[in-house]
Protein backbone atom coordinates (compact mmCIF):
# COMPACT_ATOMS: atom_id res chain seq x y z
CA UNK A 1 -54.11 -7.10 42.71
CA UNK A 2 -54.86 -4.58 39.96
CA UNK A 3 -52.07 -3.46 37.14
CA UNK A 4 -52.73 0.06 38.39
CA UNK A 5 -51.62 -0.82 42.06
CA UNK A 6 -48.51 -2.58 40.35
CA UNK A 7 -47.69 0.48 38.39
CA UNK A 8 -47.40 2.75 41.29
CA UNK A 9 -43.94 3.68 40.61
CA UNK A 10 -44.87 4.82 37.27
CA UNK A 11 -46.86 7.67 38.64
CA UNK A 12 -45.55 10.72 36.86
CA UNK A 13 -42.98 12.94 38.45
CA UNK A 14 -44.56 16.15 37.38
CA UNK A 15 -48.60 16.68 37.53
CA UNK A 16 -49.63 20.28 36.69
CA UNK A 17 -52.76 19.96 34.54
CA UNK A 18 -55.06 17.42 36.16
CA UNK A 19 -54.66 13.79 36.97
CA UNK A 20 -58.06 12.48 35.52
CA UNK A 21 -61.11 13.92 34.18
CA UNK A 22 -62.23 14.41 37.69
CA UNK A 23 -60.65 15.39 41.01
CA UNK A 24 -59.62 12.17 42.90
CA UNK A 25 -58.87 11.08 46.35
CA UNK A 26 -55.14 9.94 46.55
CA UNK A 27 -53.31 7.80 49.04
CA UNK A 28 -49.87 8.97 49.65
CA UNK A 29 -47.47 6.30 51.37
CA UNK A 30 -43.91 4.66 52.16
CA UNK A 31 -45.53 1.39 52.97
CA UNK A 32 -45.25 -1.24 50.67
CA UNK A 33 -48.39 -2.52 48.64
CA UNK A 34 -48.92 -6.51 49.65
CA UNK A 35 -46.23 -6.05 52.17
CA UNK A 36 -46.44 -7.96 55.32
CA UNK A 37 -47.12 -6.22 58.71
CA UNK A 38 -50.13 -4.13 60.17
CA UNK A 39 -50.05 -0.80 58.03
CA UNK A 40 -49.05 -2.58 55.13
CA UNK A 41 -51.94 -4.94 55.29
CA UNK A 42 -54.48 -2.44 56.09
CA UNK A 43 -53.43 -0.09 53.12
CA UNK A 44 -53.80 -2.99 50.76
CA UNK A 45 -56.94 -3.86 51.80
CA UNK A 46 -57.88 0.02 51.72
CA UNK A 47 -56.75 0.19 48.10
CA UNK A 48 -58.35 -3.34 47.08
CA UNK A 49 -61.79 -1.85 48.20
CA UNK A 50 -61.76 0.21 45.07
CA UNK A 51 -63.93 2.86 46.66
CA UNK A 52 -65.76 5.90 44.39
CA UNK A 53 -63.51 8.52 43.76
CA UNK A 54 -60.61 7.17 45.30
CA UNK A 55 -57.52 6.43 43.07
CA UNK A 56 -55.90 2.76 42.73
CA UNK A 57 -52.57 4.28 42.45
CA UNK A 58 -50.49 5.13 45.73
CA UNK A 59 -48.27 8.23 45.76
CA UNK A 60 -44.71 7.72 46.82
CA UNK A 61 -44.22 11.41 47.24
CA UNK A 62 -45.87 14.81 46.92
CA UNK A 63 -42.96 16.70 45.59
CA UNK A 64 -43.62 18.52 42.08
CA UNK A 65 -47.36 17.60 42.62
CA UNK A 66 -50.03 20.18 41.88
CA UNK A 67 -52.23 19.11 44.84
CA UNK A 68 -54.97 21.66 44.12
CA UNK A 69 -55.88 18.94 41.48
CA UNK A 70 -56.75 16.63 44.33
CA UNK A 71 -60.13 16.29 45.89
CA UNK A 72 -58.46 15.07 49.14
CA UNK A 73 -55.12 13.41 50.10
CA UNK A 74 -54.94 10.66 52.50
CA UNK A 75 -51.37 10.34 54.05
CA UNK A 76 -50.23 7.26 55.69
CA UNK A 77 -46.36 7.95 56.43
CA UNK A 78 -45.24 10.75 58.30
CA UNK A 79 -42.18 11.92 56.55
CA UNK A 80 -44.62 12.60 53.74
CA UNK A 81 -46.36 15.43 55.54
CA UNK A 82 -43.59 17.40 54.75
CA UNK A 83 -44.64 17.72 51.20
CA UNK A 84 -48.06 19.19 52.01
CA UNK A 85 -48.99 22.68 50.33
CA UNK A 86 -51.92 23.26 51.73
CA UNK A 87 -53.87 23.46 48.59
CA UNK A 88 -56.24 20.45 49.02
CA UNK A 89 -58.17 18.84 52.03
CA UNK A 90 -55.78 16.40 53.88
CA UNK A 91 -55.91 13.52 56.45
CA UNK A 92 -52.95 11.78 58.16
CA UNK A 93 -53.55 8.29 59.67
CA UNK A 94 -51.37 7.36 62.45
CA UNK A 95 -50.54 3.66 62.15
CA UNK A 96 -47.62 3.58 64.50
CA UNK A 97 -45.62 5.74 67.08
CA UNK A 98 -42.86 7.39 64.87
CA UNK A 99 -44.83 10.43 64.56
CA UNK A 100 -44.14 11.47 68.13
CA UNK A 101 -41.54 8.77 69.48
CA UNK A 102 -38.16 9.53 67.52
CA UNK A 103 -37.05 5.48 67.95
CA UNK A 104 -40.71 4.76 66.90
CA UNK A 105 -41.33 1.96 69.62
CA UNK A 106 -42.52 3.84 72.72
CA UNK A 107 -40.60 0.93 74.26
CA UNK A 108 -37.23 0.80 76.38
CA UNK A 109 -35.93 -2.87 75.31
CA UNK A 110 -32.90 -2.61 77.83
CA UNK A 111 -35.35 -2.12 80.92
CA UNK A 112 -38.13 -4.10 79.27
CA UNK A 113 -40.60 -1.26 80.08
CA UNK A 114 -42.84 1.00 77.80
CA UNK A 115 -41.44 4.61 77.59
CA UNK A 116 -43.84 6.95 79.71
CA UNK A 117 -41.88 10.03 78.26
CA UNK A 118 -43.62 12.59 75.88
CA UNK A 119 -41.22 13.80 72.93
CA UNK A 120 -38.37 16.43 73.92
CA UNK A 121 -34.75 16.81 73.16
CA UNK A 122 -33.83 16.33 76.71
CA UNK A 123 -35.96 13.54 77.62
CA UNK A 124 -35.40 11.73 74.39
CA UNK A 125 -31.83 12.10 74.69
CA UNK A 126 -31.66 10.77 78.34
CA UNK A 127 -33.45 8.03 76.72
CA UNK A 128 -31.13 7.49 73.91
CA UNK A 129 -28.08 7.48 76.19
CA UNK A 130 -29.32 5.91 79.58
CA UNK A 131 -31.90 3.84 78.52
CA UNK A 132 -30.43 2.65 75.16
CA UNK A 133 -33.21 3.38 73.37
CA UNK A 134 -32.84 2.81 69.35
CA UNK A 135 -30.00 4.12 67.53
CA UNK A 136 -27.29 6.21 69.46
CA UNK A 137 -25.25 6.99 66.37
CA UNK A 138 -25.23 11.08 66.64
CA UNK A 139 -26.06 11.99 62.83
CA UNK A 140 -28.95 9.68 62.94
CA UNK A 141 -30.32 10.58 66.54
CA UNK A 142 -30.22 14.29 65.08
CA UNK A 143 -32.20 13.23 62.12
CA UNK A 144 -34.72 11.32 64.33
CA UNK A 145 -35.46 14.30 66.65
CA UNK A 146 -35.63 16.87 63.90
CA UNK A 147 -38.08 14.77 62.09
CA UNK A 148 -40.01 14.37 65.04
CA UNK A 149 -40.27 18.02 65.72
CA UNK A 150 -41.22 18.59 62.33
CA UNK A 151 -43.90 16.46 62.01
CA UNK A 152 -45.64 17.42 65.33
CA UNK A 153 -45.37 21.01 64.23
CA UNK A 154 -47.24 20.26 60.90
CA UNK A 155 -49.83 18.11 62.85
CA UNK A 156 -50.38 21.26 65.34
CA UNK A 157 -50.21 24.15 63.05
CA UNK A 158 -51.65 23.19 59.67
CA UNK A 159 -55.22 22.20 58.40
CA UNK A 160 -54.96 18.55 58.60
CA UNK A 161 -57.14 15.95 60.22
CA UNK A 162 -55.56 13.06 62.00
CA UNK A 163 -56.78 9.79 62.30
CA UNK A 164 -55.53 7.76 65.39
CA UNK A 165 -56.16 3.74 65.22
CA UNK A 166 -56.67 3.78 68.78
CA UNK A 167 -57.49 5.84 71.60
CA UNK A 168 -54.40 5.07 72.92
CA UNK A 169 -52.53 6.63 70.10
CA UNK A 170 -55.04 9.46 70.17
CA UNK A 171 -54.08 10.13 73.97
CA UNK A 172 -49.98 9.93 72.82
CA UNK A 173 -50.94 12.69 70.13
CA UNK A 174 -52.65 15.26 72.45
CA UNK A 175 -49.78 14.52 74.97
CA UNK A 176 -47.35 15.47 72.59
CA UNK A 177 -49.54 18.85 71.86
CA UNK A 178 -51.90 17.96 68.83
CA UNK A 179 -55.07 19.43 69.57
CA UNK A 180 -57.78 17.04 70.51
CA UNK A 181 -60.20 18.56 67.91
CA UNK A 182 -58.02 17.84 65.19
CA UNK A 183 -58.01 14.04 66.26
CA UNK A 184 -60.66 11.17 65.29
CA UNK A 185 -60.09 7.68 66.32
CA UNK A 186 -60.99 5.25 63.84
CA UNK A 187 -60.25 1.63 64.70
CA UNK A 188 -58.61 -0.39 61.79
CA UNK A 189 -60.78 -3.03 60.18
CA UNK A 190 -60.02 -6.40 58.64
CA UNK A 191 -61.29 -8.28 55.85
CA UNK A 192 -63.39 -11.41 56.55
CA UNK A 193 -61.80 -14.19 54.86
CA UNK A 194 -63.15 -15.30 51.08
CA UNK A 195 -62.65 -18.98 52.10
CA UNK A 196 -64.89 -20.91 54.63
CA UNK A 197 -64.23 -20.31 58.50
CA UNK A 198 -66.19 -21.89 61.25
CA UNK A 199 -66.26 -21.94 64.92
CA UNK A 200 -63.81 -24.02 66.90
CA UNK A 201 -64.77 -27.75 66.75
CA UNK A 202 -63.94 -30.20 69.41
CA UNK A 203 -61.81 -32.06 67.13
CA UNK A 204 -59.48 -28.89 66.32
CA UNK A 205 -59.71 -28.08 70.21
CA UNK A 206 -58.28 -31.82 71.22
CA UNK A 207 -55.26 -31.15 69.00
CA UNK A 208 -54.01 -28.88 71.60
CA UNK A 209 -52.33 -26.24 69.12
CA UNK A 210 -51.72 -22.28 69.84
CA UNK A 211 -50.66 -20.03 67.40
CA UNK A 212 -48.26 -16.79 67.40
CA UNK A 213 -48.32 -14.58 64.60
CA UNK A 214 -46.02 -11.48 64.07
CA UNK A 215 -42.18 -10.39 63.09
CA UNK A 216 -39.68 -12.32 65.55
CA UNK A 217 -38.29 -9.29 67.10
CA UNK A 218 -38.10 -8.73 71.01
CA UNK A 219 -40.86 -6.28 71.19
CA UNK A 220 -43.42 -8.98 70.11
CA UNK A 221 -43.06 -11.01 73.50
CA UNK A 222 -42.30 -14.21 71.79
CA UNK A 223 -39.41 -14.88 74.19
CA UNK A 224 -42.02 -14.57 77.32
CA UNK A 225 -44.35 -17.15 75.35
CA UNK A 226 -41.68 -19.44 75.04
CA UNK A 227 -40.81 -19.36 78.67
CA UNK A 228 -44.25 -19.84 79.79
CA UNK A 229 -44.86 -22.69 77.20
CA UNK A 230 -42.79 -24.82 79.77
CA UNK A 231 -45.56 -24.09 82.44
CA UNK A 232 -48.24 -25.57 80.40
CA UNK A 233 -49.79 -28.99 79.16
CA UNK A 234 -46.83 -30.68 77.62
CA UNK A 235 -49.51 -31.80 74.72
CA UNK A 236 -49.85 -27.96 73.87
CA UNK A 237 -48.01 -27.45 70.42
CA UNK A 238 -47.06 -23.87 69.35
CA UNK A 239 -47.07 -22.68 65.78
CA UNK A 240 -44.77 -19.67 65.05
CA UNK A 241 -46.05 -17.93 61.98
CA UNK A 242 -43.21 -15.05 61.22
CA UNK A 243 -39.87 -14.12 60.45
CA UNK A 244 -37.43 -11.67 62.17
CA UNK A 245 -33.77 -10.79 63.09
CA UNK A 246 -34.23 -12.44 66.72
CA UNK A 247 -35.37 -15.87 65.36
CA UNK A 248 -31.83 -17.38 65.90
CA UNK A 249 -31.62 -16.46 69.36
CA UNK A 250 -34.89 -17.70 70.09
CA UNK A 251 -34.81 -21.06 68.50
CA UNK A 252 -31.67 -21.66 71.00
CA UNK A 253 -33.86 -20.61 73.72
CA UNK A 254 -36.54 -23.08 72.82
CA UNK A 255 -33.76 -25.73 72.47
CA UNK A 256 -32.38 -24.98 76.00
CA UNK A 257 -35.96 -25.17 77.40
CA UNK A 258 -36.46 -28.40 75.75
CA UNK A 259 -39.45 -27.18 73.81
CA UNK A 260 -37.89 -28.21 70.19
CA UNK A 261 -40.62 -31.04 69.93
CA UNK A 262 -43.55 -28.75 70.87
CA UNK A 263 -42.88 -25.79 68.34
CA UNK A 264 -43.28 -25.55 64.56
CA UNK A 265 -41.40 -22.63 62.81
CA UNK A 266 -43.36 -21.63 59.69
CA UNK A 267 -41.56 -18.44 58.87
CA UNK A 268 -43.09 -16.13 56.56
CA UNK A 269 -46.45 -17.30 55.47
CA UNK A 270 -48.93 -16.58 52.63
CA UNK A 271 -52.75 -15.98 53.29
CA UNK A 272 -53.57 -19.55 52.35
CA UNK A 273 -50.81 -21.09 54.82
CA UNK A 274 -51.71 -18.23 57.61
CA UNK A 275 -55.46 -18.97 57.28
CA UNK A 276 -54.84 -22.85 57.89
CA UNK A 277 -52.87 -22.36 61.06
CA UNK A 278 -55.42 -19.90 62.28
CA UNK A 279 -57.99 -22.88 61.61
CA UNK A 280 -55.96 -25.37 63.35
CA UNK A 281 -55.30 -23.66 66.70
CA UNK A 282 -57.66 -23.45 69.64
CA UNK A 283 -56.48 -19.80 70.63
CA UNK A 284 -54.09 -17.11 69.24
CA UNK A 285 -51.70 -15.60 71.60
CA UNK A 286 -50.57 -12.34 71.17
CA UNK A 287 -48.04 -11.46 73.47
CA UNK A 288 -46.68 -8.03 72.57
CA UNK A 289 -44.42 -6.03 75.32
CA UNK A 290 -44.49 -3.03 73.42
CA UNK A 291 -47.69 -0.60 73.22
CA UNK A 292 -49.06 -2.10 70.14
CA UNK A 293 -50.78 0.74 68.52
CA UNK A 294 -53.92 -1.15 67.35
CA UNK A 295 -52.92 -4.95 67.05
CA UNK A 296 -54.54 -6.30 64.14
CA UNK A 297 -53.89 -10.07 64.71
CA UNK A 298 -56.67 -9.64 67.20
CA UNK A 299 -58.79 -9.02 64.36
CA UNK A 300 -57.55 -11.88 61.96
CA UNK A 301 -58.23 -14.20 65.07
CA UNK A 302 -61.97 -12.97 65.47
CA UNK A 303 -62.24 -13.24 61.72
CA UNK A 304 -61.57 -17.15 62.05
CA UNK A 305 -63.75 -17.76 65.37
CA UNK A 306 -60.60 -17.99 67.46
CA UNK A 307 -60.37 -16.55 70.99
CA UNK A 308 -57.38 -14.17 71.57
CA UNK A 309 -54.90 -14.27 74.69
CA UNK A 310 -53.14 -10.86 74.45
CA UNK A 311 -50.84 -8.35 76.59
CA UNK A 312 -52.91 -5.39 78.32
CA UNK A 313 -50.68 -2.94 76.14
CA UNK A 314 -51.30 -0.05 74.09
CA UNK A 315 -54.34 -0.10 71.95
CA UNK A 316 -55.02 -3.97 72.43
CA UNK A 317 -57.61 -3.64 75.33
CA UNK A 318 -59.85 -1.67 72.88
CA UNK A 319 -60.01 -4.32 70.54
CA UNK A 320 -60.28 -7.18 73.09
CA UNK A 321 -62.82 -7.39 75.60
CA UNK A 322 -61.54 -9.26 78.60
CA UNK A 323 -63.45 -12.41 79.20
CA UNK A 324 -65.63 -11.84 76.36
CA UNK A 325 -63.81 -12.01 73.12
CA UNK A 326 -60.36 -13.11 74.66
CA UNK A 327 -58.18 -12.66 77.91
CA UNK A 328 -55.88 -9.91 78.95
CA UNK A 329 -52.91 -10.68 80.85
CA UNK A 330 -50.06 -8.41 82.25
CA UNK A 331 -47.07 -8.00 79.93
CA UNK A 332 -44.16 -10.33 80.76
CA UNK A 333 -46.48 -12.37 83.38
CA UNK A 334 -45.46 -15.78 83.24
CA UNK A 335 -47.97 -17.22 85.51
CA UNK A 336 -50.97 -15.37 84.39
CA UNK A 337 -50.18 -16.42 80.73
CA UNK A 338 -49.76 -20.01 81.60
CA UNK A 339 -53.08 -19.72 83.41
CA UNK A 340 -54.96 -18.08 80.46
CA UNK A 341 -53.72 -20.72 78.36
CA UNK A 342 -54.36 -23.72 80.44
CA UNK A 343 -57.81 -22.10 81.03
CA UNK A 344 -58.78 -22.58 77.49
CA UNK A 345 -56.94 -25.77 76.72
CA UNK A 346 -59.13 -27.29 79.15
CA UNK A 347 -62.48 -25.74 78.56
CA UNK A 348 -63.57 -26.49 75.05
CA UNK A 349 -67.10 -24.82 75.29
CA UNK A 350 -65.29 -21.70 76.92
CA UNK A 351 -62.93 -21.74 74.09
CA UNK A 352 -65.68 -21.99 71.24
CA UNK A 353 -67.51 -19.53 73.23
CA UNK A 354 -65.32 -16.71 73.23
CA UNK A 355 -64.17 -17.17 69.46
CA UNK A 356 -67.85 -17.00 68.50
CA UNK A 357 -68.16 -13.60 70.51
CA UNK A 358 -65.11 -12.34 69.10
CA UNK A 359 -66.38 -13.05 65.41
CA UNK A 360 -69.71 -11.36 66.26
CA UNK A 361 -67.82 -8.41 67.86
CA UNK A 362 -65.89 -8.00 64.33
CA UNK A 363 -69.08 -8.32 62.14
CA UNK A 364 -70.76 -5.71 63.98
CA UNK A 365 -67.51 -3.15 64.67
CA UNK A 366 -64.82 -3.94 62.76
CA UNK A 367 -65.04 -5.41 59.46
CA UNK A 368 -63.13 -3.56 56.44
CA UNK A 369 -66.63 -2.44 54.89
CA UNK A 370 -67.45 -1.07 58.11
CA UNK A 371 -64.05 0.90 58.40
CA UNK A 372 -64.70 2.18 55.06
CA UNK A 373 -67.97 3.52 55.36
CA UNK A 374 -66.82 5.42 58.36
CA UNK A 375 -63.71 6.69 56.52
CA UNK A 376 -65.96 7.59 53.43
CA UNK A 377 -67.84 9.82 55.91
CA UNK A 378 -64.65 11.36 57.41
CA UNK A 379 -63.51 12.13 53.71
CA UNK A 380 -67.07 13.81 53.09
CA UNK A 381 -66.89 16.02 56.20
CA UNK A 382 -63.24 17.04 55.57
CA UNK A 383 -63.88 18.13 52.07
CA UNK A 384 -66.71 20.20 53.07
CA UNK A 385 -64.96 21.88 56.07
CA UNK A 386 -62.12 22.76 53.96
CA UNK A 387 -63.79 25.18 51.91
CA UNK A 388 -65.41 26.86 54.97
């Protein structure tokens, strides 16, 4: 990580006479560089790519900044859209649902169901009161509603290009009134590990290990996976890489199911540890029950030649070709998930072949290098069109 990135917080509060000898493209985000999670990992990779004409400083705010000095500003957090002045080309990447969903999840945890409503004061109030969606504190609810309305108004009315990280997200934006001609789908990419990775070996397959990577919260579906594990080969071991507030409850659940000797809770893992866990499993299980905007765990598995078993929700099916690069199953279906795990556990050749096809798909379509090339083309077009 360069020193400039580490010094993000030292960016001058007032910029009025140019930022550098020439205009640069700036990223503007509330996400943490080197933070954990999909958007944080993506943004870190983007900054580390050191693109020409792109600053390696990340702006935390657009307040008191002379935006006419920018070649382009790329915004990654919806709240920062409120600081746009329209004096430079602008692009906004939608990484999650918070742009059009006040609670940010599009998921009704109490019902265990994906929310199908578009944003509206009436519908979302019903969701808060009746469905128990997110916070029900009056002040916070009002703040969330006003924020969603403001952000959507900006996207509808200002000159800004919107990048959706999946067609699912693009569809949600359109349903909430953002003009389709303003939205581009650009799927995220992932970096190919610098350390050696290789296809699944028979020896690794015979270790019978599967891997879950993600935050330990209800939306990620770990409870469903634990209840499914009971119905699989007793030799199968589950590695859990991640941390979250729901861990204690799920540890108790695992104990009540008699699974303690089949699960290893690794907690938060750095890159080296995570890579080792990917390498020692025969499949990655991605059991999200909320509509994942994109699902970067899928790409991380592909980068390491591992097949993916995942829920058919949100943008995941756009990254996972069922029967080719992985297996899609209906969310919360224990029988289908158990069957998919068993299928790959007993068939080494199939597991290896699917993992190899996932890797080939990644290298053709979804590496960070490919993503950056497409992003640069979008930048160039937006800059040209801004002055027309």
